[in-house]
């Protein structure tokens, strides 16, 4: 090859490289370093919302972050990365330090998110779907995480700390999966709820809720399912949902009303030291609420209130359960309510309470032959089987 042709070939290669550089797509990974004055919110505002991209975050970002209309975005916190509520107002009717709206296929992982009591730390709404929160520490907020307006969220390995009201609020026909997480009230809090639901659904396992006045509160036809699922992580290890009350501040382990339901299926519900007497306790069902607890997976110990209380046309079915050591009633049905102790895999262990079985004249306890031992009773409407003799 002559020198002339070598020069021509080199020029062609150079021109081709320049042309390719000018038409190449941008990297799908960028980094925002807030410790150097960069802004996560300003960076997101410049991105193509329909192109999957990973945004790594370092330092402390003192700003309200808006994630609106994104598809396939990943927010990845590097070591110590934190998003903090600024001192100025967000200027929105609904405000959150990290606000996700009308977005799909999002992953938020490795961040610390901190808020005061005037806003939520994380808000997810307006039909957002497939939003995955992973390995986060969420501190404060009037609500730590708020999910609303028909949104779908998966939460795993998240610590929710010191909320103003609730660490996780789920509303407006939304659906949330929770696993491997821990929600803890602040010391001296006057009224905290671990998980609060309104007209929504949560599926939960392998999670601990500590020192809340209400562990789980489900209202307005909400549904709480305790299921050991493997949609996101392989199952294995403890699956219990534990509601503990070492601080002695609990009123309700689980409270369900307004036609809502609690289904204790393949994950255990363990409630220790709930209640403050009277109409409080481990599981309180009211206003047409219901509970089905299967396979002996309901365990309530040392209640300072009732164990299971069904009132105001509420109904519970227990297929094996442990309700022991309570200062008041074990199984209590009042005001046109019923509790059925169904034959199942194990006999129910109902004993050691001040009164093990209690009902008023308008309520029933059925299937009492399935209770182990000789429970102390103050109930005239007891049936050894689940029904009277049928024709």
Protein backbone atom coordinates (compact mmCIF):
# COMPACT_ATOMS: atom_id res chain seq x y z
CA UNK A 1 0.00 0.00 0.00
CA UNK A 2 1.38 3.37 -1.04
CA UNK A 3 1.80 6.24 1.34
CA UNK A 4 -1.02 8.09 -0.44
CA UNK A 5 -3.51 5.28 0.16
CA UNK A 6 -2.37 4.97 3.80
CA UNK A 7 -3.09 8.67 4.27
CA UNK A 8 -6.52 8.36 2.63
CA UNK A 9 -7.39 5.33 4.79
CA UNK A 10 -6.31 7.12 7.98
CA UNK A 11 -8.43 10.12 7.03
CA UNK A 12 -11.48 7.89 6.41
CA UNK A 13 -11.03 6.21 9.80
CA UNK A 14 -10.73 9.59 11.50
CA UNK A 15 -13.84 10.98 9.76
CA UNK A 16 -15.83 7.84 10.62
CA UNK A 17 -14.80 8.06 14.28
CA UNK A 18 -15.82 11.71 14.46
CA UNK A 19 -19.17 10.94 12.82
CA UNK A 20 -19.83 8.06 15.22
CA UNK A 21 -18.92 10.22 18.21
CA UNK A 22 -21.39 12.88 17.11
CA UNK A 23 -24.25 10.38 16.77
CA UNK A 24 -23.57 8.13 19.78
CA UNK A 25 -26.17 7.85 22.55
CA UNK A 26 -25.35 9.25 26.01
CA UNK A 27 -24.33 6.91 28.80
CA UNK A 28 -27.15 5.28 30.76
CA UNK A 29 -25.28 5.94 34.01
CA UNK A 30 -24.56 9.30 35.59
CA UNK A 31 -23.48 10.46 39.04
CA UNK A 32 -24.74 13.41 41.07
CA UNK A 33 -22.43 14.58 43.87
CA UNK A 34 -24.39 16.89 46.15
CA UNK A 35 -21.31 17.48 48.31
CA UNK A 36 -19.88 19.40 45.33
CA UNK A 37 -22.95 21.58 44.89
CA UNK A 38 -24.68 19.43 42.28
CA UNK A 39 -28.47 19.03 42.42
CA UNK A 40 -30.29 15.73 42.02
CA UNK A 41 -33.53 17.48 41.17
CA UNK A 42 -31.92 19.67 38.50
CA UNK A 43 -30.20 16.64 36.98
CA UNK A 44 -33.45 14.67 36.77
CA UNK A 45 -35.18 17.61 35.09
CA UNK A 46 -32.75 17.36 32.14
CA UNK A 47 -33.14 13.62 31.51
CA UNK A 48 -35.19 11.81 28.87
CA UNK A 49 -37.95 10.34 31.02
CA UNK A 50 -38.62 7.45 28.63
CA UNK A 51 -35.04 6.14 28.53
CA UNK A 52 -33.93 3.77 31.33
CA UNK A 53 -31.03 5.33 33.24
CA UNK A 54 -29.19 4.87 36.54
CA UNK A 55 -28.49 7.99 38.58
CA UNK A 56 -25.97 7.42 41.38
CA UNK A 57 -26.13 9.87 44.28
CA UNK A 58 -23.42 10.85 46.76
CA UNK A 59 -23.27 13.42 49.53
CA UNK A 60 -26.22 15.15 51.21
CA UNK A 61 -28.84 16.62 48.88
CA UNK A 62 -30.91 19.24 50.70
CA UNK A 63 -33.79 19.58 48.26
CA UNK A 64 -37.24 18.39 47.27
CA UNK A 65 -36.71 15.76 44.58
CA UNK A 66 -39.39 15.39 41.90
CA UNK A 67 -39.60 12.13 39.94
CA UNK A 68 -42.57 12.68 37.61
CA UNK A 69 -43.41 10.57 34.56
CA UNK A 70 -40.21 8.48 34.48
CA UNK A 71 -39.97 4.99 32.98
CA UNK A 72 -37.17 2.66 34.11
CA UNK A 73 -35.27 5.08 36.35
CA UNK A 74 -32.86 3.82 39.03
CA UNK A 75 -31.83 6.11 41.90
CA UNK A 76 -28.84 4.53 43.61
CA UNK A 77 -27.42 5.98 46.78
CA UNK A 78 -23.68 5.59 47.21
CA UNK A 79 -22.25 5.18 50.72
CA UNK A 80 -23.87 7.71 53.07
CA UNK A 81 -26.00 9.37 50.39
CA UNK A 82 -28.84 11.35 51.98
CA UNK A 83 -31.78 13.43 50.78
CA UNK A 84 -32.90 15.94 53.43
CA UNK A 85 -35.88 18.27 53.58
CA UNK A 86 -34.81 21.88 53.05
CA UNK A 87 -35.97 24.67 55.33
CA UNK A 88 -38.11 26.23 52.60
CA UNK A 89 -41.63 25.07 51.72
CA UNK A 90 -42.14 22.70 48.80
CA UNK A 91 -45.06 24.83 47.65
CA UNK A 92 -47.30 21.86 46.80
CA UNK A 93 -50.64 20.68 48.14
CA UNK A 94 -48.99 17.31 48.77
CA UNK A 95 -45.29 17.47 49.55
CA UNK A 96 -42.56 14.88 49.98
CA UNK A 97 -38.78 15.09 50.14
CA UNK A 98 -38.69 12.38 47.44
CA UNK A 99 -41.89 12.58 45.39
CA UNK A 100 -42.68 9.95 42.72
CA UNK A 101 -45.66 10.59 40.45
CA UNK A 102 -47.08 8.80 37.40
CA UNK A 103 -43.93 6.69 37.02
CA UNK A 104 -43.30 3.04 36.18
CA UNK A 105 -40.46 0.56 36.69
CA UNK A 106 -38.51 2.60 39.25
CA UNK A 107 -35.86 1.34 41.65
CA UNK A 108 -34.78 3.49 44.61
CA UNK A 109 -31.97 1.88 46.61
CA UNK A 110 -29.30 2.72 49.17
CA UNK A 111 -30.54 6.20 50.14
CA UNK A 112 -31.22 7.84 53.48
CA UNK A 113 -34.28 10.09 53.29
CA UNK A 114 -35.01 12.47 56.17
CA UNK A 115 -37.98 14.79 56.66
CA UNK A 116 -39.59 16.97 59.29
CA UNK A 117 -43.20 16.56 60.38
CA UNK A 118 -44.74 18.86 57.75
CA UNK A 119 -44.24 16.58 54.72
CA UNK A 120 -43.80 12.92 53.88
CA UNK A 121 -40.27 11.63 53.49
CA UNK A 122 -41.26 9.60 50.39
CA UNK A 123 -44.52 10.05 48.49
CA UNK A 124 -45.60 7.73 45.65
CA UNK A 125 -48.83 8.44 43.84
CA UNK A 126 -50.95 9.19 40.78
CA UNK A 127 -50.97 5.63 39.46
CA UNK A 128 -47.26 4.87 39.81
CA UNK A 129 -46.51 1.16 39.38
CA UNK A 130 -43.64 -1.29 39.83
CA UNK A 131 -41.88 1.10 42.22
CA UNK A 132 -39.29 -0.79 44.28
CA UNK A 133 -37.84 0.71 47.48
CA UNK A 134 -34.73 -1.19 48.62
CA UNK A 135 -32.19 -0.81 51.45
CA UNK A 136 -33.43 2.61 52.55
CA UNK A 137 -33.44 4.38 55.89
CA UNK A 138 -36.47 6.68 56.09
CA UNK A 139 -36.47 8.99 59.11
CA UNK A 140 -39.24 11.30 60.25
CA UNK A 141 -41.92 12.77 58.04
CA UNK A 142 -45.52 13.28 59.00
CA UNK A 143 -45.64 9.94 57.20
CA UNK A 144 -42.42 8.17 56.37
CA UNK A 145 -43.64 6.58 53.13
CA UNK A 146 -47.02 7.53 51.63
CA UNK A 147 -48.50 5.47 48.78
CA UNK A 148 -51.71 6.81 47.26
CA UNK A 149 -54.04 7.04 44.25
CA UNK A 150 -53.95 3.48 42.92
CA UNK A 151 -50.18 3.01 43.07
CA UNK A 152 -48.22 -0.25 43.39
CA UNK A 153 -45.03 -0.43 45.45
CA UNK A 154 -42.64 -3.12 46.71
CA UNK A 155 -40.73 -2.38 49.94
CA UNK A 156 -37.82 -4.54 51.09
CA UNK A 157 -34.96 -4.03 53.56
CA UNK A 158 -36.28 -0.63 54.60
CA UNK A 159 -35.95 0.96 58.04
CA UNK A 160 -38.72 3.40 58.91
CA UNK A 161 -37.83 5.48 61.97
CA UNK A 162 -39.54 8.10 64.16
CA UNK A 163 -42.53 9.12 62.05
CA UNK A 164 -44.85 11.94 63.01
CA UNK A 165 -47.84 9.64 62.41
CA UNK A 166 -47.04 6.48 60.44
CA UNK A 167 -43.96 4.91 58.91
CA UNK A 168 -46.04 3.59 55.98
CA UNK A 169 -49.39 4.97 54.83
CA UNK A 170 -51.28 3.20 52.00
CA UNK A 171 -54.40 4.82 50.55
CA UNK A 172 -56.81 5.13 47.61
CA UNK A 173 -56.90 1.56 46.26
CA UNK A 174 -53.12 1.19 46.36
CA UNK A 175 -51.27 -2.12 46.73
CA UNK A 176 -47.99 -2.60 48.62
CA UNK A 177 -45.72 -5.59 49.28
CA UNK A 178 -43.55 -5.36 52.42
CA UNK A 179 -40.77 -7.74 53.43
CA UNK A 180 -37.56 -7.79 55.49
CA UNK A 181 -38.23 -4.37 56.98
CA UNK A 182 -38.32 -2.70 60.37
CA UNK A 183 -40.58 0.14 61.50
CA UNK A 184 -39.79 1.78 64.85
CA UNK A 185 -41.49 4.60 66.75
CA UNK A 186 -39.62 7.47 68.34
CA UNK A 187 -39.18 7.32 72.10
CA UNK A 188 -42.05 9.16 73.80
CA UNK A 189 -44.23 9.39 70.66
CA UNK A 190 -47.88 10.09 71.51
CA UNK A 191 -49.59 8.26 68.61
CA UNK A 192 -47.71 6.30 65.96
CA UNK A 193 -49.01 3.69 63.53
CA UNK A 194 -46.62 1.23 61.94
CA UNK A 195 -48.72 0.64 58.80
CA UNK A 196 -51.91 2.63 58.16
CA UNK A 197 -54.30 1.63 55.36
CA UNK A 198 -57.35 3.33 53.89
CA UNK A 199 -59.28 1.46 51.16
CA UNK A 200 -56.08 -0.39 50.16
CA UNK A 201 -54.16 -3.67 50.37
CA UNK A 202 -50.86 -4.76 51.88
CA UNK A 203 -49.10 -8.13 51.67
CA UNK A 204 -46.44 -8.53 54.33
CA UNK A 205 -43.98 -10.97 55.86
CA UNK A 206 -40.63 -10.97 57.69
CA UNK A 207 -41.10 -7.51 59.21
CA UNK A 208 -40.88 -6.09 62.75
CA UNK A 209 -42.98 -3.17 64.04
CA UNK A 210 -41.78 -1.76 67.36
CA UNK A 211 -43.40 0.41 70.04
CA UNK A 212 -46.20 1.83 67.93
CA UNK A 213 -49.52 2.71 69.53
CA UNK A 214 -51.06 0.81 66.59
CA UNK A 215 -48.97 -1.82 64.85
CA UNK A 216 -51.20 -2.15 61.78
CA UNK A 217 -54.38 -0.09 61.33
CA UNK A 218 -56.63 -1.15 58.42
CA UNK A 219 -59.70 0.96 57.68
CA UNK A 220 -62.28 1.58 54.92
CA UNK A 221 -62.48 -2.02 53.61
CA UNK A 222 -58.68 -2.42 53.59
CA UNK A 223 -57.12 -5.90 53.38
CA UNK A 224 -54.02 -7.11 55.24
CA UNK A 225 -52.52 -10.40 54.02
CA UNK A 226 -49.69 -12.15 55.87
CA UNK A 227 -48.16 -14.30 53.16
CA UNK A 228 -44.65 -15.65 52.67
CA UNK A 229 -44.20 -14.63 49.01
CA UNK A 230 -41.17 -14.90 46.74
CA UNK A 231 -41.99 -12.36 44.05
CA UNK A 232 -38.78 -10.39 44.68
CA UNK A 233 -36.49 -12.46 46.92
CA UNK A 234 -36.13 -16.18 47.53
CA UNK A 235 -37.94 -17.25 50.67
CA UNK A 236 -36.01 -18.65 53.59
CA UNK A 237 -35.37 -17.72 57.19
CA UNK A 238 -37.93 -16.19 59.57
CA UNK A 239 -41.20 -15.11 57.99
CA UNK A 240 -42.87 -13.68 61.12
CA UNK A 241 -44.54 -10.32 61.23
CA UNK A 242 -43.69 -9.29 64.79
CA UNK A 243 -45.46 -6.45 66.59
CA UNK A 244 -43.58 -5.80 69.80
CA UNK A 245 -44.17 -3.36 72.62
CA UNK A 246 -41.18 -3.17 74.92
CA UNK A 247 -42.01 0.48 75.67
CA UNK A 248 -45.47 -0.45 76.98
CA UNK A 249 -47.21 2.11 74.74
CA UNK A 250 -49.31 -0.17 72.51
CA UNK A 251 -53.09 0.16 72.27
CA UNK A 252 -53.66 -2.18 69.31
CA UNK A 253 -51.45 -4.80 67.73
CA UNK A 254 -53.74 -4.88 64.69
CA UNK A 255 -56.91 -2.80 64.39
CA UNK A 256 -59.36 -3.50 61.55
CA UNK A 257 -62.71 -1.80 60.99
CA UNK A 258 -65.10 -0.57 58.31
CA UNK A 259 -65.49 -3.96 56.62
CA UNK A 260 -61.74 -4.56 56.37
CA UNK A 261 -60.09 -7.95 56.73
CA UNK A 262 -56.97 -9.53 58.22
CA UNK A 263 -55.79 -12.81 56.72
CA UNK A 264 -53.02 -14.64 58.56
CA UNK A 265 -51.92 -17.23 56.01
CA UNK A 266 -48.40 -18.60 55.43
CA UNK A 267 -46.56 -16.06 57.64
CA UNK A 268 -46.99 -15.91 61.41
CA UNK A 269 -48.40 -12.87 63.16
CA UNK A 270 -46.69 -12.54 66.56
CA UNK A 271 -47.98 -9.84 68.90
CA UNK A 272 -46.36 -9.33 72.29
CA UNK A 273 -47.68 -7.16 75.16
CA UNK A 274 -50.36 -5.23 73.27
CA UNK A 275 -53.19 -3.18 74.72
CA UNK A 276 -54.08 -0.82 77.51
CA UNK A 277 -57.26 -2.55 78.79
CA UNK A 278 -60.95 -2.14 77.87
CA UNK A 279 -61.52 -2.24 74.10
CA UNK A 280 -57.81 -2.45 73.16
CA UNK A 281 -55.72 -5.54 72.59
CA UNK A 282 -53.84 -7.80 70.21
CA UNK A 283 -56.32 -7.98 67.32
CA UNK A 284 -59.38 -5.73 67.48
CA UNK A 285 -62.07 -6.16 64.81
CA UNK A 286 -65.01 -3.74 64.61
CA UNK A 287 -67.76 -2.48 62.31
CA UNK A 288 -68.17 -5.61 60.14
CA UNK A 289 -64.44 -6.38 59.98
CA UNK A 290 -63.21 -9.97 59.74
CA UNK A 291 -60.15 -12.12 60.38
CA UNK A 292 -59.11 -15.54 59.15
CA UNK A 293 -56.04 -16.95 60.91
CA UNK A 294 -54.84 -20.32 59.63
CA UNK A 295 -52.35 -23.04 60.55
CA UNK A 296 -51.75 -21.83 64.10
CA UNK A 297 -50.02 -18.73 62.75
CA UNK A 298 -51.62 -16.24 65.15
CA UNK A 299 -49.70 -15.80 68.43
CA UNK A 300 -50.73 -13.21 71.04
CA UNK A 301 -48.96 -13.20 74.40
CA UNK A 302 -49.24 -11.16 77.59
CA UNK A 303 -51.89 -8.73 76.37
CA UNK A 304 -52.63 -5.79 78.66
CA UNK A 305 -56.01 -5.56 76.91
CA UNK A 306 -58.01 -8.27 75.16
CA UNK A 307 -56.41 -10.97 73.04
CA UNK A 308 -58.80 -11.13 70.07
CA UNK A 309 -61.77 -8.76 70.32
CA UNK A 310 -64.61 -8.91 67.78
CA UNK A 311 -67.26 -6.24 68.25
CA UNK A 312 -70.03 -4.46 66.34
CA UNK A 313 -70.88 -7.23 63.86
CA UNK A 314 -67.30 -8.40 63.42
CA UNK A 315 -66.23 -12.01 62.87
CA UNK A 316 -63.08 -14.09 63.29
CA UNK A 317 -62.13 -17.63 62.34
CA UNK A 318 -59.11 -19.24 64.00
CA UNK A 319 -57.62 -22.47 62.71
CA UNK A 320 -55.19 -23.03 65.50
CA UNK A 321 -53.96 -20.04 67.50
CA UNK A 322 -52.14 -19.13 70.70
CA UNK A 323 -53.67 -16.47 72.94
CA UNK A 324 -52.13 -16.66 76.40
CA UNK A 325 -51.20 -14.72 79.52
CA UNK A 326 -53.58 -11.77 78.99
CA UNK A 327 -54.74 -9.41 81.74
CA UNK A 328 -58.30 -9.38 80.30
CA UNK A 329 -60.11 -11.66 77.84
CA UNK A 330 -58.53 -14.16 75.51
CA UNK A 331 -61.27 -14.46 72.86
CA UNK A 332 -63.98 -11.81 73.23
CA UNK A 333 -67.11 -11.36 71.06
CA UNK A 334 -69.64 -8.58 71.72
CA UNK A 335 -72.38 -6.63 69.91
CA UNK A 336 -73.59 -9.19 67.33
CA UNK A 337 -70.14 -10.67 66.70
CA UNK A 338 -68.72 -14.17 66.54
CA UNK A 339 -65.45 -16.06 66.86
CA UNK A 340 -65.11 -19.55 65.41
CA UNK A 341 -62.36 -21.89 66.59
CA UNK A 342 -62.23 -24.13 63.53
CA UNK A 343 -60.83 -27.63 63.36
CA UNK A 344 -57.42 -27.42 61.71
CA UNK A 345 -53.83 -28.50 61.76
CA UNK A 346 -53.41 -27.84 65.47
CA UNK A 347 -55.64 -27.26 68.45
CA UNK A 348 -55.93 -23.70 69.66
CA UNK A 349 -54.01 -22.83 72.80
CA UNK A 350 -56.28 -20.39 74.65
CA UNK A 351 -55.40 -20.13 78.31
CA UNK A 352 -53.84 -18.27 81.17
CA UNK A 353 -55.85 -15.11 80.50
CA UNK A 354 -57.96 -13.39 83.16
CA UNK A 355 -60.97 -14.80 81.23
CA UNK A 356 -60.19 -17.05 78.29
CA UNK A 357 -63.60 -16.93 76.57
CA UNK A 358 -66.09 -14.05 76.87
CA UNK A 359 -69.23 -13.10 74.96
CA UNK A 360 -72.37 -11.07 75.53
CA UNK A 361 -75.94 -12.34 75.01
CA UNK A 362 -75.97 -11.32 71.32
CA UNK A 363 -72.67 -12.93 70.28
CA UNK A 364 -71.27 -16.43 69.85
CA UNK A 365 -68.12 -18.48 70.27
CA UNK A 366 -68.23 -21.66 68.18
CA UNK A 367 -66.02 -24.71 67.76
CA UNK A 368 -64.97 -24.67 71.40
CA UNK A 369 -64.28 -28.42 71.33
CA UNK A 370 -61.19 -27.56 69.29
CA UNK A 371 -59.61 -25.62 72.17
CA UNK A 372 -56.90 -27.43 74.12
CA UNK A 373 -57.30 -27.66 77.88
CA UNK A 374 -60.13 -26.21 79.97
CA UNK A 375 -60.41 -22.49 79.26
CA UNK A 376 -62.07 -20.20 81.81
CA UNK A 377 -65.34 -19.00 80.30
CA UNK A 378 -67.84 -16.19 80.78
CA UNK A 379 -70.01 -16.88 77.74
CA UNK A 380 -73.45 -18.52 77.62
CA UNK A 381 -73.42 -18.78 73.83
CA UNK A 382 -70.84 -21.50 73.34
CA UNK A 383 -71.09 -24.18 70.67
CA UNK A 384 -68.79 -27.16 70.76
CA UNK A 385 -69.09 -27.41 66.97
CA UNK A 386 -69.17 -24.69 64.37
CA UNK A 387 -72.94 -24.71 63.91
CA UNK A 388 -76.07 -25.95 65.61
CA UNK A 389 -77.51 -29.19 64.27
CA UNK A 390 -78.71 -28.51 60.74
CA UNK A 391 -81.78 -30.15 59.13
